Amino acid sequence: MNTVIEALRTGQSFIIATHLNPDGDALGSAIALGMALESLGKNVNVYDRDGVPATYSFLPGIKMIKTSAEGLKADILILLDCNNLTRSGLEGFDAFRTSVVVDHHETDGDFGDIKWIDPHIPATGLMVLRIIRALGVKLTRDMAQNIYTAISLDTGTFRYSNTTAEALRAGAELTEAGAEPGYVADRLYSNWSSSRFALFRMVMESLDIQDNACFMKISLSMLGKTDTNQGDTENFVNFPLRMDSISASVLLKENEPGKWRVSMRSKGMINVAHIAEKFKGGGHLNAAGCSMEGQYEEIKALLIKELNSLVQPS
């Protein structure tokens, strides 16, 4: 962490980028760090090619997010919540002098002149909070709201097994600084449009249980019929895990014809990150993803084969 802090202190211009299809941890962390660096007089651009899903439109500072890297250049490129340029949509981008990676995913790539990667930390937002403290930046309400959202999202509102004492203490600190836990929870979990709920119903109808694992899909036609987009699919993959007999949940989302984004969630020691790595993806022990091409049933068969070695029938 110390080398990261030194780079942030000495650098004058920054591009902060996070992974494609960003979630609350990625967006909240990027915006909060961008605000902190700007408060120190730094020049900052925050980039995510896929923009801000409607679920996170409540985050203060979302207008900082740029969806095009054209013309961007900086002393330092910071990758947050991911560890390679491909996952950030910046493959081939080189308009920077130094690269910094701040990430908590289990999988590690080769990218980064300076790295702070710690899979034992439950959220990148918690890492950003440590950075803000180390830089001596005053924690504003807007920073606190973003970081609280980041930590809340990746700990399941402090319900998941990755929730640590530090995360709980951070929640109190951020609340004291102006974060609103009730408002954040309402926006994350109780703010669905009727079209999003219609999509959810279709996804549940596609559910296929194979032993202790379940599979679901979101096709382009399903998005078209419900007038929804990929941003409306946040958290769908987690619902089947509410069944006590389900140990792993897999959701395939079609981004282009025959091209799917695979999201995997699991319980206990079922390491879905190992499966994601086999298909050039990554993630955590219980939450991972990758991209695959082909027909849904063919991809499902491949994933069933991989999961069979990890999920034992009850």
Protein backbone atom coordinates (compact mmCIF):
# COMPACT_ATOMS: atom_id res chain seq x y z
CA MET A 1 0.00 0.00 0.00
CA ASN A 2 2.83 2.43 0.79
CA THR A 3 4.08 2.45 -2.82
CA VAL A 4 0.55 3.18 -4.01
CA ILE A 5 0.28 6.14 -1.65
CA GLU A 6 3.63 7.51 -2.81
CA ALA A 7 2.55 7.28 -6.45
CA LEU A 8 -0.71 9.08 -5.72
CA ARG A 9 1.09 11.83 -3.84
CA THR A 10 3.67 12.48 -6.54
CA GLY A 11 1.51 12.03 -9.64
CA GLN A 12 -0.30 15.07 -11.02
CA SER A 13 -2.69 13.57 -13.57
CA PHE A 14 -4.66 10.35 -13.27
CA ILE A 15 -6.98 8.08 -15.19
CA ILE A 16 -9.02 5.87 -12.87
CA ALA A 17 -10.56 2.89 -14.66
CA THR A 18 -12.52 -0.11 -13.50
CA HIS A 19 -13.96 -3.27 -15.03
CA LEU A 20 -16.60 -3.63 -17.73
CA ASN A 21 -20.20 -4.06 -16.57
CA PRO A 22 -19.37 -2.16 -13.38
CA ASP A 23 -21.00 -2.90 -10.06
CA GLY A 24 -21.37 -0.78 -6.94
CA ASP A 25 -17.93 -1.61 -5.60
CA ALA A 26 -16.23 -0.63 -8.86
CA LEU A 27 -18.18 2.60 -9.35
CA GLY A 28 -18.26 3.72 -5.73
CA SER A 29 -14.53 3.11 -5.33
CA ALA A 30 -13.60 4.90 -8.56
CA ILE A 31 -15.74 7.96 -7.89
CA ALA A 32 -14.63 8.29 -4.26
CA LEU A 33 -10.94 8.01 -5.15
CA GLY A 34 -11.42 10.49 -7.98
CA MET A 35 -13.00 12.98 -5.56
CA ALA A 36 -10.18 12.48 -3.07
CA LEU A 37 -7.46 13.11 -5.66
CA GLU A 38 -9.27 16.17 -7.01
CA SER A 39 -9.39 17.59 -3.49
CA LEU A 40 -5.57 17.46 -3.56
CA GLY A 41 -5.49 19.54 -6.74
CA LYS A 42 -4.85 16.58 -9.08
CA ASN A 43 -6.22 16.27 -12.60
CA VAL A 44 -8.49 13.22 -12.68
CA ASN A 45 -10.51 11.36 -15.30
CA VAL A 46 -12.70 8.41 -14.26
CA TYR A 47 -13.40 5.89 -17.03
CA ASP A 48 -15.75 2.99 -17.54
CA ARG A 49 -16.69 2.04 -21.08
CA ASP A 50 -20.07 0.66 -20.02
CA GLY A 51 -21.12 3.72 -18.03
CA VAL A 52 -23.38 3.69 -14.97
CA PRO A 53 -26.23 1.13 -14.72
CA ALA A 54 -29.56 2.62 -13.64
CA THR A 55 -29.26 0.82 -10.28
CA TYR A 56 -26.36 3.11 -9.36
CA SER A 57 -27.73 6.37 -10.74
CA PHE A 58 -28.13 7.62 -7.17
CA LEU A 59 -24.39 7.73 -6.51
CA PRO A 60 -23.13 11.29 -6.03
CA GLY A 61 -20.55 12.21 -8.65
CA ILE A 62 -21.64 9.81 -11.41
CA LYS A 63 -21.12 12.60 -13.96
CA MET A 64 -17.39 12.04 -13.42
CA ILE A 65 -17.64 8.76 -15.36
CA LYS A 66 -16.44 8.97 -18.96
CA THR A 67 -17.37 6.22 -21.40
CA SER A 68 -14.73 7.05 -24.02
CA ALA A 69 -10.96 6.96 -23.56
CA GLU A 70 -10.36 9.05 -26.67
CA GLY A 71 -7.96 11.88 -25.88
CA LEU A 72 -7.28 10.70 -22.34
CA LYS A 73 -3.70 10.69 -21.06
CA ALA A 74 -2.14 10.89 -17.63
CA ASP A 75 0.94 10.39 -15.51
CA ILE A 76 -0.72 7.43 -13.80
CA LEU A 77 -3.38 4.92 -14.82
CA ILE A 78 -5.14 3.38 -11.80
CA LEU A 79 -7.07 0.15 -12.28
CA LEU A 80 -9.59 -0.37 -9.50
CA ASP A 81 -11.43 -3.62 -8.79
CA CYS A 82 -9.72 -5.36 -11.72
CA ASN A 83 -6.15 -6.18 -12.65
CA ASN A 84 -5.75 -6.13 -16.43
CA LEU A 85 -6.47 -3.79 -19.31
CA THR A 86 -8.69 -6.26 -21.15
CA ARG A 87 -11.18 -6.43 -18.29
CA SER A 88 -11.29 -2.62 -18.19
CA GLY A 89 -11.92 -2.27 -21.92
CA LEU A 90 -8.58 -0.46 -22.34
CA GLU A 91 -6.64 -3.19 -24.13
CA GLY A 92 -3.83 -1.52 -26.08
CA PHE A 93 -4.19 1.80 -24.25
CA ASP A 94 -0.77 3.27 -23.43
CA ALA A 95 -1.29 7.01 -22.79
CA PHE A 96 0.22 6.87 -19.29
CA ARG A 97 3.65 6.63 -17.68
CA THR A 98 2.96 4.44 -14.67
CA SER A 99 0.24 1.90 -13.91
CA VAL A 100 -1.21 1.18 -10.47
CA VAL A 101 -3.51 -1.74 -9.64
CA VAL A 102 -5.72 -1.73 -6.53
CA ASP A 103 -7.85 -4.85 -6.39
CA HIS A 104 -9.25 -7.48 -4.02
CA HIS A 105 -9.95 -10.28 -6.48
CA GLU A 106 -8.34 -13.67 -5.96
CA THR A 107 -7.05 -13.89 -9.52
CA ASP A 108 -3.94 -11.85 -10.31
CA GLY A 109 -2.68 -10.70 -13.70
CA ASP A 110 0.68 -9.50 -14.94
CA PHE A 111 -0.38 -5.89 -15.45
CA GLY A 112 0.72 -3.09 -13.11
CA ASP A 113 3.97 -1.31 -12.27
CA ILE A 114 2.70 -0.89 -8.73
CA LYS A 115 0.24 -3.37 -7.24
CA TRP A 116 -1.82 -3.68 -4.11
CA ILE A 117 -3.90 -6.83 -4.44
CA ASP A 118 -5.40 -8.40 -1.34
CA PRO A 119 -8.19 -11.00 -1.73
CA HIS A 120 -8.75 -11.01 2.04
CA ILE A 121 -10.22 -7.50 1.91
CA PRO A 122 -13.97 -7.79 1.24
CA ALA A 123 -14.34 -4.78 -1.07
CA THR A 124 -12.16 -2.44 -3.11
CA GLY A 125 -14.11 0.35 -1.44
CA LEU A 126 -12.47 -0.56 1.86
CA MET A 127 -9.05 -0.32 0.19
CA VAL A 128 -9.96 3.12 -1.16
CA LEU A 129 -11.03 4.19 2.32
CA ARG A 130 -7.58 3.21 3.61
CA ILE A 131 -5.99 5.20 0.78
CA ILE A 132 -8.06 8.29 1.55
CA ARG A 133 -7.04 8.12 5.22
CA ALA A 134 -3.36 7.68 4.30
CA LEU A 135 -3.50 10.68 1.94
CA GLY A 136 -4.88 12.80 4.77
CA VAL A 137 -7.99 13.72 2.78
CA LYS A 138 -11.08 14.78 4.70
CA LEU A 139 -13.87 12.26 4.10
CA THR A 140 -16.82 14.14 2.61
CA ARG A 141 -20.43 13.02 2.58
CA ASP A 142 -20.24 12.21 -1.14
CA MET A 143 -17.10 10.12 -0.74
CA ALA A 144 -18.70 8.33 2.21
CA GLN A 145 -21.89 7.53 0.29
CA ASN A 146 -19.88 6.04 -2.57
CA ILE A 147 -17.61 3.98 -0.36
CA TYR A 148 -20.49 2.77 1.81
CA THR A 149 -22.26 1.59 -1.34
CA ALA A 150 -19.09 -0.17 -2.51
CA ILE A 151 -18.59 -2.06 0.75
CA SER A 152 -22.30 -2.73 1.19
CA LEU A 153 -22.59 -4.24 -2.29
CA ASP A 154 -19.65 -6.63 -1.98
CA THR A 155 -20.57 -7.78 1.54
CA GLY A 156 -24.26 -8.23 0.75
CA THR A 157 -25.10 -5.38 3.12
CA PHE A 158 -22.77 -6.92 5.71
CA ARG A 159 -24.40 -10.37 5.44
CA TYR A 160 -21.85 -12.37 3.45
CA SER A 161 -19.13 -14.50 5.00
CA ASN A 162 -16.48 -12.04 3.76
CA THR A 163 -17.77 -9.36 6.16
CA THR A 164 -14.97 -8.43 8.54
CA ALA A 165 -14.75 -6.39 11.72
CA GLU A 166 -12.94 -3.72 9.70
CA ALA A 167 -15.83 -3.58 7.24
CA LEU A 168 -18.33 -3.11 10.07
CA ARG A 169 -16.21 -0.39 11.66
CA ALA A 170 -15.90 1.29 8.26
CA GLY A 171 -19.68 1.24 7.93
CA ALA A 172 -19.99 3.17 11.18
CA GLU A 173 -17.26 5.64 10.17
CA LEU A 174 -18.87 6.25 6.79
CA THR A 175 -22.29 6.72 8.37
CA GLU A 176 -20.84 9.30 10.72
CA ALA A 177 -19.37 11.06 7.68
CA GLY A 178 -22.80 11.30 6.03
CA ALA A 179 -23.51 7.98 4.29
CA GLU A 180 -27.16 6.90 4.54
CA PRO A 181 -27.45 3.11 5.03
CA GLY A 182 -31.24 3.01 4.68
CA TYR A 183 -31.23 5.05 1.50
CA VAL A 184 -28.43 2.97 -0.04
CA ALA A 185 -30.20 -0.30 0.80
CA ASP A 186 -33.45 1.00 -0.65
CA ARG A 187 -31.79 2.07 -3.90
CA LEU A 188 -29.89 -1.20 -4.25
CA TYR A 189 -32.65 -3.66 -3.40
CA SER A 190 -36.10 -2.01 -3.42
CA ASN A 191 -36.11 0.24 -6.46
CA TRP A 192 -36.99 -2.04 -9.38
CA SER A 193 -38.97 -0.86 -12.37
CA SER A 194 -41.90 -2.98 -13.62
CA SER A 195 -39.86 -3.86 -16.72
CA ARG A 196 -36.96 -5.09 -14.62
CA PHE A 197 -39.33 -7.25 -12.60
CA ALA A 198 -40.78 -8.65 -15.83
CA LEU A 199 -37.25 -9.60 -16.92
CA PHE A 200 -36.63 -11.22 -13.54
CA ARG A 201 -39.72 -13.38 -13.98
CA MET A 202 -38.46 -14.56 -17.37
CA VAL A 203 -35.04 -15.34 -15.90
CA MET A 204 -36.59 -17.40 -13.11
CA GLU A 205 -38.59 -19.32 -15.70
CA SER A 206 -35.32 -20.29 -17.40
CA LEU A 207 -33.91 -21.73 -14.16
CA ASP A 208 -32.51 -25.24 -14.57
CA ILE A 209 -31.30 -27.13 -11.49
CA GLN A 210 -28.50 -29.66 -11.98
CA ASP A 211 -27.80 -31.46 -8.70
CA ASN A 212 -26.75 -28.65 -6.31
CA ALA A 213 -26.15 -26.05 -9.02
CA CYS A 214 -28.59 -23.96 -11.00
CA PHE A 215 -28.35 -22.23 -14.36
CA MET A 216 -30.25 -19.26 -15.78
CA LYS A 217 -30.02 -17.16 -18.91
CA ILE A 218 -30.77 -13.67 -20.17
CA SER A 219 -30.93 -13.62 -23.95
CA LEU A 220 -31.03 -10.58 -26.18
CA SER A 221 -34.62 -11.43 -27.05
CA MET A 222 -35.56 -11.38 -23.35
CA LEU A 223 -34.06 -7.91 -22.99
CA GLY A 224 -35.95 -6.77 -26.08
CA LYS A 225 -39.30 -8.17 -24.93
CA THR A 226 -39.03 -6.41 -21.55
CA ASP A 227 -37.40 -3.20 -22.79
CA THR A 228 -34.50 -3.66 -20.37
CA ASN A 229 -30.69 -3.69 -20.60
CA GLN A 230 -27.73 -5.40 -18.98
CA GLY A 231 -27.75 -2.85 -16.17
CA ASP A 232 -31.12 -4.21 -15.07
CA THR A 233 -29.67 -7.67 -14.35
CA GLU A 234 -27.70 -6.69 -11.24
CA ASN A 235 -28.00 -9.24 -8.40
CA PHE A 236 -30.18 -11.74 -10.35
CA VAL A 237 -27.52 -14.42 -10.06
CA ASN A 238 -27.70 -14.36 -6.26
CA PHE A 239 -31.37 -15.28 -5.86
CA PRO A 240 -31.13 -19.08 -6.33
CA LEU A 241 -28.59 -19.26 -3.48
CA ARG A 242 -31.47 -18.52 -1.12
CA MET A 243 -32.45 -22.19 -1.55
CA ASP A 244 -30.67 -24.30 1.05
CA SER A 245 -30.11 -27.08 -1.50
CA ILE A 246 -28.27 -24.83 -3.99
CA SER A 247 -24.51 -24.45 -3.65
CA ALA A 248 -23.74 -22.65 -6.92
CA SER A 249 -25.65 -20.31 -9.21
CA VAL A 250 -24.70 -19.48 -12.81
CA LEU A 251 -26.25 -16.75 -14.96
CA LEU A 252 -25.44 -16.40 -18.66
CA LYS A 253 -26.13 -12.96 -20.14
CA GLU A 254 -26.03 -12.56 -23.92
CA ASN A 255 -24.20 -9.36 -24.86
CA GLU A 256 -24.10 -10.02 -28.61
CA PRO A 257 -25.50 -12.92 -30.64
CA GLY A 258 -23.68 -16.01 -29.37
CA LYS A 259 -21.50 -14.03 -26.94
CA TRP A 260 -22.26 -14.47 -23.27
CA ARG A 261 -21.13 -12.94 -19.99
CA VAL A 262 -21.05 -15.67 -17.34
CA SER A 263 -21.67 -14.70 -13.70
CA MET A 264 -21.11 -17.33 -11.02
CA ARG A 265 -21.88 -17.32 -7.31
CA SER A 266 -21.35 -20.05 -4.73
CA LYS A 267 -21.48 -20.95 -1.07
CA GLY A 268 -18.77 -22.18 1.26
CA MET A 269 -15.51 -23.37 -0.26
CA ILE A 270 -16.80 -23.90 -3.80
CA ASN A 271 -14.24 -21.84 -5.71
CA VAL A 272 -15.94 -20.52 -8.83
CA ALA A 273 -12.92 -18.27 -9.49
CA HIS A 274 -11.00 -21.38 -10.57
CA ILE A 275 -13.66 -22.09 -13.19
CA ALA A 276 -13.65 -18.49 -14.41
CA GLU A 277 -9.85 -18.57 -14.78
CA LYS A 278 -10.11 -21.52 -17.17
CA PHE A 279 -12.10 -19.30 -19.51
CA LYS A 280 -9.85 -16.22 -19.11
CA GLY A 281 -12.00 -14.64 -16.43
CA GLY A 282 -11.51 -14.16 -12.73
CA GLY A 283 -13.02 -13.16 -9.43
CA HIS A 284 -13.31 -14.37 -5.86
CA LEU A 285 -13.84 -17.71 -4.16
CA ASN A 286 -17.64 -17.25 -4.15
CA ALA A 287 -18.14 -14.68 -6.93
CA ALA A 288 -16.53 -14.80 -10.36
CA GLY A 289 -17.18 -14.25 -14.03
CA CYS A 290 -15.89 -14.76 -17.56
CA SER A 291 -16.94 -14.38 -21.18
CA MET A 292 -17.78 -17.32 -23.46
CA GLU A 293 -19.01 -17.83 -27.01
CA GLY A 294 -21.43 -20.37 -28.41
CA GLN A 295 -24.95 -21.66 -27.91
CA TYR A 296 -26.44 -21.46 -24.43
CA GLU A 297 -26.93 -25.22 -24.03
CA GLU A 298 -23.35 -25.93 -25.18
CA ILE A 299 -21.86 -23.45 -22.73
CA LYS A 300 -24.07 -24.74 -19.94
CA ALA A 301 -22.82 -28.28 -20.58
CA LEU A 302 -19.21 -27.11 -20.31
CA LEU A 303 -19.90 -25.33 -17.03
CA ILE A 304 -21.81 -28.30 -15.61
CA LYS A 305 -18.76 -30.45 -16.26
CA GLU A 306 -16.54 -27.97 -14.41
CA LEU A 307 -18.95 -27.62 -11.50
CA ASN A 308 -19.38 -31.37 -11.11
CA SER A 309 -15.87 -31.51 -9.65
CA LEU A 310 -16.76 -28.83 -7.10
CA VAL A 311 -20.43 -29.36 -6.20
CA GLN A 312 -21.38 -32.68 -4.70
CA PRO A 313 -25.02 -33.81 -4.89
CA SER A 314 -26.84 -33.88 -1.57
